[in-house]
Amino acid sequence: MCDFITPTVLAATALATSAAAGVASTVQAGATASAGAAAARQSGQVARSQAEWNAQRTEAQVQSTREAAQADEARQRERTRFILGDQRASYGASGVLLEGSPQEVLAMTAAQQELDALTIRYNAGVREADLRGEAASSRYTGELRQVEANSRANTIQAEGRSQQWAGALRTTSTLLTAGAKFF
């Protein structure tokens, strides 16, 4: 009788150990998948936060670009007043009346200087639009990275669930097969 119990007890112990290992493997697969998915999601959130920070920095450049352009435009207009004043003084000192050609020269100088001031404003507007586009692109890239990370996390979780089911089926199969041998 002792010979019968010993192999049976050993077989049952081996079966229990195998089942416990299968259960542990199944639990481990779930934990690994959860950790991997959480890391993937965290990575996506970090990428999105970084992209948002970059976008905010770029938008701050829009304001500084606008302010610098306004200052440049004001300097250009001041330069225009100085140039026109200098031309008038030169004409006056030489006894030329501000009629006809001298007046046309002053008007053309004023028009050209105004065009220069407006060009400064236009170029700043183009630069501001470029910077806004960069900010929008940065945000879009951050959102895209977060979506990709979430997709990766979902895939990791799905693989983990598959591994859990496979482990559960292997454990069940082992238990049923071993149980059939006992009977």
C-alpha atoms as a PDB file:
ATOM      1  CA  MET A   1       0.000   0.000   0.000  1.00  0.00           C
ATOM      2  CA  CYS A   2       2.878   2.310   0.697  1.00  0.00           C
ATOM      3  CA  ASP A   3       4.174   1.707  -2.834  1.00  0.00           C
ATOM      4  CA  PHE A   4       0.838   2.856  -4.280  1.00  0.00           C
ATOM      5  CA  ILE A   5       0.566   6.001  -2.154  1.00  0.00           C
ATOM      6  CA  THR A   6       4.082   7.190  -2.779  1.00  0.00           C
ATOM      7  CA  PRO A   7       3.835   7.326  -6.592  1.00  0.00           C
ATOM      8  CA  THR A   8       0.331   8.754  -6.337  1.00  0.00           C
ATOM      9  CA  VAL A   9       1.404  11.378  -3.845  1.00  0.00           C
ATOM     10  CA  LEU A  10       4.444  12.202  -5.969  1.00  0.00           C
ATOM     11  CA  ALA A  11       2.316  12.459  -9.106  1.00  0.00           C
ATOM     12  CA  ALA A  12      -0.224  14.637  -7.311  1.00  0.00           C
ATOM     13  CA  THR A  13       2.548  16.838  -5.939  1.00  0.00           C
ATOM     14  CA  ALA A  14       4.074  17.179  -9.414  1.00  0.00           C
ATOM     15  CA  LEU A  15       0.632  17.983 -10.813  1.00  0.00           C
ATOM     16  CA  ALA A  16       0.009  20.639  -8.149  1.00  0.00           C
ATOM     17  CA  THR A  17       3.450  22.134  -8.739  1.00  0.00           C
ATOM     18  CA  SER A  18       2.852  22.216 -12.470  1.00  0.00           C
ATOM     19  CA  ALA A  19      -0.547  23.828 -11.960  1.00  0.00           C
ATOM     20  CA  ALA A  20       0.908  26.405  -9.566  1.00  0.00           C
ATOM     21  CA  ALA A  21       3.657  27.221 -12.073  1.00  0.00           C
ATOM     22  CA  GLY A  22       1.036  27.619 -14.796  1.00  0.00           C
ATOM     23  CA  VAL A  23      -1.031  29.939 -12.633  1.00  0.00           C
ATOM     24  CA  ALA A  24       2.082  31.942 -11.676  1.00  0.00           C
ATOM     25  CA  SER A  25       3.048  32.205 -15.339  1.00  0.00           C
ATOM     26  CA  THR A  26      -0.435  33.410 -16.225  1.00  0.00           C
ATOM     27  CA  VAL A  27      -0.401  36.024 -13.459  1.00  0.00           C
ATOM     28  CA  GLN A  28       3.108  37.120 -14.471  1.00  0.00           C
ATOM     29  CA  ALA A  29       2.012  37.551 -18.093  1.00  0.00           C
ATOM     30  CA  GLY A  30      -0.806  39.840 -16.976  1.00  0.00           C
ATOM     31  CA  ALA A  31       1.461  41.893 -14.714  1.00  0.00           C
ATOM     32  CA  THR A  32       4.108  42.242 -17.410  1.00  0.00           C
ATOM     33  CA  ALA A  33       1.505  43.357 -19.940  1.00  0.00           C
ATOM     34  CA  SER A  34       0.047  45.889 -17.512  1.00  0.00           C
ATOM     35  CA  ALA A  35       3.474  47.324 -16.748  1.00  0.00           C
ATOM     36  CA  GLY A  36       4.398  47.492 -20.429  1.00  0.00           C
ATOM     37  CA  ALA A  37       1.127  49.178 -21.327  1.00  0.00           C
ATOM     38  CA  ALA A  38       1.515  51.706 -18.515  1.00  0.00           C
ATOM     39  CA  ALA A  39       5.066  52.490 -19.676  1.00  0.00           C
ATOM     40  CA  ALA A  40       3.870  52.959 -23.258  1.00  0.00           C
ATOM     41  CA  ARG A  41       1.072  55.304 -22.169  1.00  0.00           C
ATOM     42  CA  GLN A  42       3.472  57.257 -19.950  1.00  0.00           C
ATOM     43  CA  SER A  43       5.860  57.596 -22.886  1.00  0.00           C
ATOM     44  CA  GLY A  44       3.042  59.017 -25.003  1.00  0.00           C
ATOM     45  CA  GLN A  45       2.065  61.505 -22.295  1.00  0.00           C
ATOM     46  CA  VAL A  46       5.676  62.652 -21.947  1.00  0.00           C
ATOM     47  CA  ALA A  47       5.967  63.114 -25.725  1.00  0.00           C
ATOM     48  CA  ARG A  48       2.744  65.109 -25.803  1.00  0.00           C
ATOM     49  CA  SER A  49       3.824  67.278 -22.851  1.00  0.00           C
ATOM     50  CA  GLN A  50       7.156  67.977 -24.482  1.00  0.00           C
ATOM     51  CA  ALA A  51       5.445  68.877 -27.761  1.00  0.00           C
ATOM     52  CA  GLU A  52       3.085  71.229 -25.908  1.00  0.00           C
ATOM     53  CA  TRP A  53       6.039  72.897 -24.165  1.00  0.00           C
ATOM     54  CA  ASN A  54       7.751  73.361 -27.541  1.00  0.00           C
ATOM     55  CA  ALA A  55       4.551  74.816 -28.983  1.00  0.00           C
ATOM     56  CA  GLN A  56       4.263  77.293 -26.110  1.00  0.00           C
ATOM     57  CA  ARG A  57       7.885  78.372 -26.565  1.00  0.00           C
ATOM     58  CA  THR A  58       7.239  78.864 -30.273  1.00  0.00           C
ATOM     59  CA  GLU A  59       4.124  80.919 -29.536  1.00  0.00           C
ATOM     60  CA  ALA A  60       6.180  83.091 -27.181  1.00  0.00           C
ATOM     61  CA  GLN A  61       8.475  83.760 -30.144  1.00  0.00           C
ATOM     62  CA  VAL A  62       5.439  85.039 -32.059  1.00  0.00           C
ATOM     63  CA  GLN A  63       4.982  87.797 -29.483  1.00  0.00           C
ATOM     64  CA  SER A  64       8.661  88.715 -29.415  1.00  0.00           C
ATOM     65  CA  THR A  65       8.741  88.726 -33.237  1.00  0.00           C
ATOM     66  CA  ARG A  66       5.772  91.093 -33.291  1.00  0.00           C
ATOM     67  CA  GLU A  67       7.354  93.413 -30.728  1.00  0.00           C
ATOM     68  CA  ALA A  68      10.709  93.439 -32.544  1.00  0.00           C
ATOM     69  CA  ALA A  69       8.974  94.204 -35.854  1.00  0.00           C
ATOM     70  CA  GLN A  70       7.010  97.059 -34.289  1.00  0.00           C
ATOM     71  CA  ALA A  71      10.253  98.518 -32.954  1.00  0.00           C
ATOM     72  CA  ASP A  72      11.966  98.094 -36.351  1.00  0.00           C
ATOM     73  CA  GLU A  73       9.025  99.695 -38.113  1.00  0.00           C
ATOM     74  CA  ALA A  74       9.064 102.640 -35.680  1.00  0.00           C
ATOM     75  CA  ARG A  75      12.837 103.073 -36.265  1.00  0.00           C
ATOM     76  CA  GLN A  76      12.243 102.991 -40.019  1.00  0.00           C
ATOM     77  CA  ARG A  77       9.602 105.693 -39.754  1.00  0.00           C
ATOM     78  CA  GLU A  78      11.917 107.787 -37.558  1.00  0.00           C
ATOM     79  CA  ARG A  79      14.656 107.323 -40.174  1.00  0.00           C
ATOM     80  CA  THR A  80      12.179 108.467 -42.823  1.00  0.00           C
ATOM     81  CA  ARG A  81      11.432 111.652 -40.888  1.00  0.00           C
ATOM     82  CA  PHE A  82      15.163 112.304 -40.513  1.00  0.00           C
ATOM     83  CA  ILE A  83      15.874 111.683 -44.233  1.00  0.00           C
ATOM     84  CA  LEU A  84      12.986 113.877 -45.371  1.00  0.00           C
ATOM     85  CA  GLY A  85      13.989 116.621 -42.924  1.00  0.00           C
ATOM     86  CA  ASP A  86      17.575 116.438 -44.143  1.00  0.00           C
ATOM     87  CA  GLN A  87      16.432 116.686 -47.790  1.00  0.00           C
ATOM     88  CA  ARG A  88      14.206 119.695 -47.017  1.00  0.00           C
ATOM     89  CA  ALA A  89      17.037 121.386 -45.163  1.00  0.00           C
ATOM     90  CA  SER A  90      19.413 120.759 -48.066  1.00  0.00           C
ATOM     91  CA  TYR A  91      16.919 122.172 -50.552  1.00  0.00           C
ATOM     92  CA  GLY A  92      16.266 125.170 -48.327  1.00  0.00           C
ATOM     93  CA  ALA A  93      19.983 125.859 -47.784  1.00  0.00           C
ATOM     94  CA  SER A  94      20.607 125.795 -51.517  1.00  0.00           C
ATOM     95  CA  GLY A  95      17.673 128.109 -52.182  1.00  0.00           C
ATOM     96  CA  VAL A  96      15.588 125.514 -54.048  1.00  0.00           C
ATOM     97  CA  LEU A  97      11.828 125.906 -53.716  1.00  0.00           C
ATOM     98  CA  LEU A  98       9.906 122.804 -52.681  1.00  0.00           C
ATOM     99  CA  GLU A  99       7.951 122.738 -55.929  1.00  0.00           C
ATOM    100  CA  GLY A 100       8.153 120.504 -58.997  1.00  0.00           C
ATOM    101  CA  SER A 101      11.071 118.059 -59.077  1.00  0.00           C
ATOM    102  CA  PRO A 102      12.252 118.625 -55.483  1.00  0.00           C
ATOM    103  CA  GLN A 103       8.734 117.981 -54.224  1.00  0.00           C
ATOM    104  CA  GLU A 104       8.511 114.822 -56.347  1.00  0.00           C
ATOM    105  CA  VAL A 105      11.872 113.635 -54.966  1.00  0.00           C
ATOM    106  CA  LEU A 106      10.586 114.155 -51.423  1.00  0.00           C
ATOM    107  CA  ALA A 107       7.354 112.293 -52.247  1.00  0.00           C
ATOM    108  CA  MET A 108       9.248 109.388 -53.843  1.00  0.00           C
ATOM    109  CA  THR A 109      11.615 109.222 -50.868  1.00  0.00           C
ATOM    110  CA  ALA A 110       8.656 109.202 -48.466  1.00  0.00           C
ATOM    111  CA  ALA A 111       6.894 106.515 -50.514  1.00  0.00           C
ATOM    112  CA  GLN A 112      10.008 104.317 -50.658  1.00  0.00           C
ATOM    113  CA  GLN A 113      10.612 104.705 -46.934  1.00  0.00           C
ATOM    114  CA  GLU A 114       6.969 103.864 -46.205  1.00  0.00           C
ATOM    115  CA  LEU A 115       7.287 100.784 -48.406  1.00  0.00           C
ATOM    116  CA  ASP A 116      10.334  99.760 -46.353  1.00  0.00           C
ATOM    117  CA  ALA A 117       8.344 100.175 -43.118  1.00  0.00           C
ATOM    118  CA  LEU A 118       5.440  98.138 -44.501  1.00  0.00           C
ATOM    119  CA  THR A 119       7.865  95.454 -45.715  1.00  0.00           C
ATOM    120  CA  ILE A 120       9.148  95.120 -42.145  1.00  0.00           C
ATOM    121  CA  ARG A 121       5.547  94.658 -40.961  1.00  0.00           C
ATOM    122  CA  TYR A 122       4.777  92.136 -43.734  1.00  0.00           C
ATOM    123  CA  ASN A 123       7.916  90.070 -43.088  1.00  0.00           C
ATOM    124  CA  ALA A 124       7.080  89.960 -39.396  1.00  0.00           C
ATOM    125  CA  GLY A 125       3.573  88.751 -40.244  1.00  0.00           C
ATOM    126  CA  VAL A 126       5.013  85.988 -42.412  1.00  0.00           C
ATOM    127  CA  ARG A 127       7.412  84.984 -39.607  1.00  0.00           C
ATOM    128  CA  GLU A 128       4.537  84.984 -37.088  1.00  0.00           C
ATOM    129  CA  ALA A 129       2.469  82.743 -39.371  1.00  0.00           C
ATOM    130  CA  ASP A 130       5.436  80.376 -39.741  1.00  0.00           C
ATOM    131  CA  LEU A 131       5.865  80.231 -35.971  1.00  0.00           C
ATOM    132  CA  ARG A 132       2.154  79.559 -35.434  1.00  0.00           C
ATOM    133  CA  GLY A 133       2.412  76.760 -37.988  1.00  0.00           C
ATOM    134  CA  GLU A 134       5.397  75.314 -36.108  1.00  0.00           C
ATOM    135  CA  ALA A 135       3.442  75.449 -32.848  1.00  0.00           C
ATOM    136  CA  ALA A 136       0.454  73.703 -34.426  1.00  0.00           C
ATOM    137  CA  SER A 137       2.734  71.091 -35.982  1.00  0.00           C
ATOM    138  CA  SER A 138       4.400  70.471 -32.631  1.00  0.00           C
ATOM    139  CA  ARG A 139       1.036  69.954 -30.954  1.00  0.00           C
ATOM    140  CA  TYR A 140      -0.117  67.634 -33.731  1.00  0.00           C
ATOM    141  CA  THR A 141       3.083  65.605 -33.474  1.00  0.00           C
ATOM    142  CA  GLY A 142       2.604  65.313 -29.699  1.00  0.00           C
ATOM    143  CA  GLU A 143      -0.966  64.147 -30.121  1.00  0.00           C
ATOM    144  CA  LEU A 144       0.129  61.663 -32.777  1.00  0.00           C
ATOM    145  CA  ARG A 145       2.831  60.267 -30.505  1.00  0.00           C
ATOM    146  CA  GLN A 146       0.303  59.866 -27.713  1.00  0.00           C
ATOM    147  CA  VAL A 147      -2.114  58.055 -30.029  1.00  0.00           C
ATOM    148  CA  GLU A 148       0.720  55.786 -31.192  1.00  0.00           C
ATOM    149  CA  ALA A 149       1.716  55.088 -27.587  1.00  0.00           C
ATOM    150  CA  ASN A 150      -1.881  54.310 -26.623  1.00  0.00           C
ATOM    151  CA  SER A 151      -2.146  51.962 -29.596  1.00  0.00           C
ATOM    152  CA  ARG A 152       1.094  50.282 -28.555  1.00  0.00           C
ATOM    153  CA  ALA A 153      -0.267  49.984 -24.991  1.00  0.00           C
ATOM    154  CA  ASN A 154      -3.483  48.414 -26.260  1.00  0.00           C
ATOM    155  CA  THR A 155      -1.471  45.926 -28.319  1.00  0.00           C
ATOM    156  CA  ILE A 156       0.676  45.042 -25.312  1.00  0.00           C
ATOM    157  CA  GLN A 157      -2.430  44.516 -23.185  1.00  0.00           C
ATOM    158  CA  ALA A 158      -4.052  42.361 -25.864  1.00  0.00           C
ATOM    159  CA  GLU A 159      -0.902  40.246 -26.133  1.00  0.00           C
ATOM    160  CA  GLY A 160      -0.859  39.939 -22.343  1.00  0.00           C
ATOM    161  CA  ARG A 161      -4.468  38.768 -22.297  1.00  0.00           C
ATOM    162  CA  SER A 162      -3.633  36.240 -25.028  1.00  0.00           C
ATOM    163  CA  GLN A 163      -0.722  34.973 -22.986  1.00  0.00           C
ATOM    164  CA  GLN A 164      -2.942  34.735 -19.922  1.00  0.00           C
ATOM    165  CA  TRP A 165      -5.552  32.723 -21.822  1.00  0.00           C
ATOM    166  CA  ALA A 166      -2.862  30.489 -23.304  1.00  0.00           C
ATOM    167  CA  GLY A 167      -1.402  29.918 -19.842  1.00  0.00           C
ATOM    168  CA  ALA A 168      -4.804  29.161 -18.378  1.00  0.00           C
ATOM    169  CA  LEU A 169      -5.534  26.703 -21.193  1.00  0.00           C
ATOM    170  CA  ARG A 170      -2.138  24.998 -20.761  1.00  0.00           C
ATOM    171  CA  THR A 171      -2.705  24.682 -17.017  1.00  0.00           C
ATOM    172  CA  THR A 172      -6.217  23.336 -17.540  1.00  0.00           C
ATOM    173  CA  SER A 173      -4.946  20.900 -20.157  1.00  0.00           C
ATOM    174  CA  THR A 174      -2.178  19.720 -17.829  1.00  0.00           C
ATOM    175  CA  LEU A 175      -4.629  19.199 -14.985  1.00  0.00           C
ATOM    176  CA  LEU A 176      -7.123  17.330 -17.158  1.00  0.00           C
ATOM    177  CA  THR A 177      -4.479  15.161 -18.776  1.00  0.00           C
ATOM    178  CA  ALA A 178      -2.887  14.276 -15.451  1.00  0.00           C
ATOM    179  CA  GLY A 179      -6.270  13.719 -13.838  1.00  0.00           C
ATOM    180  CA  ALA A 180      -7.232  11.299 -16.625  1.00  0.00           C
ATOM    181  CA  LYS A 181      -4.078   9.283 -15.969  1.00  0.00           C
ATOM    182  CA  PHE A 182      -5.067   8.788 -12.358  1.00  0.00           C
ATOM    183  CA  PHE A 183      -8.414   7.301 -13.263  1.00  0.00           C
END
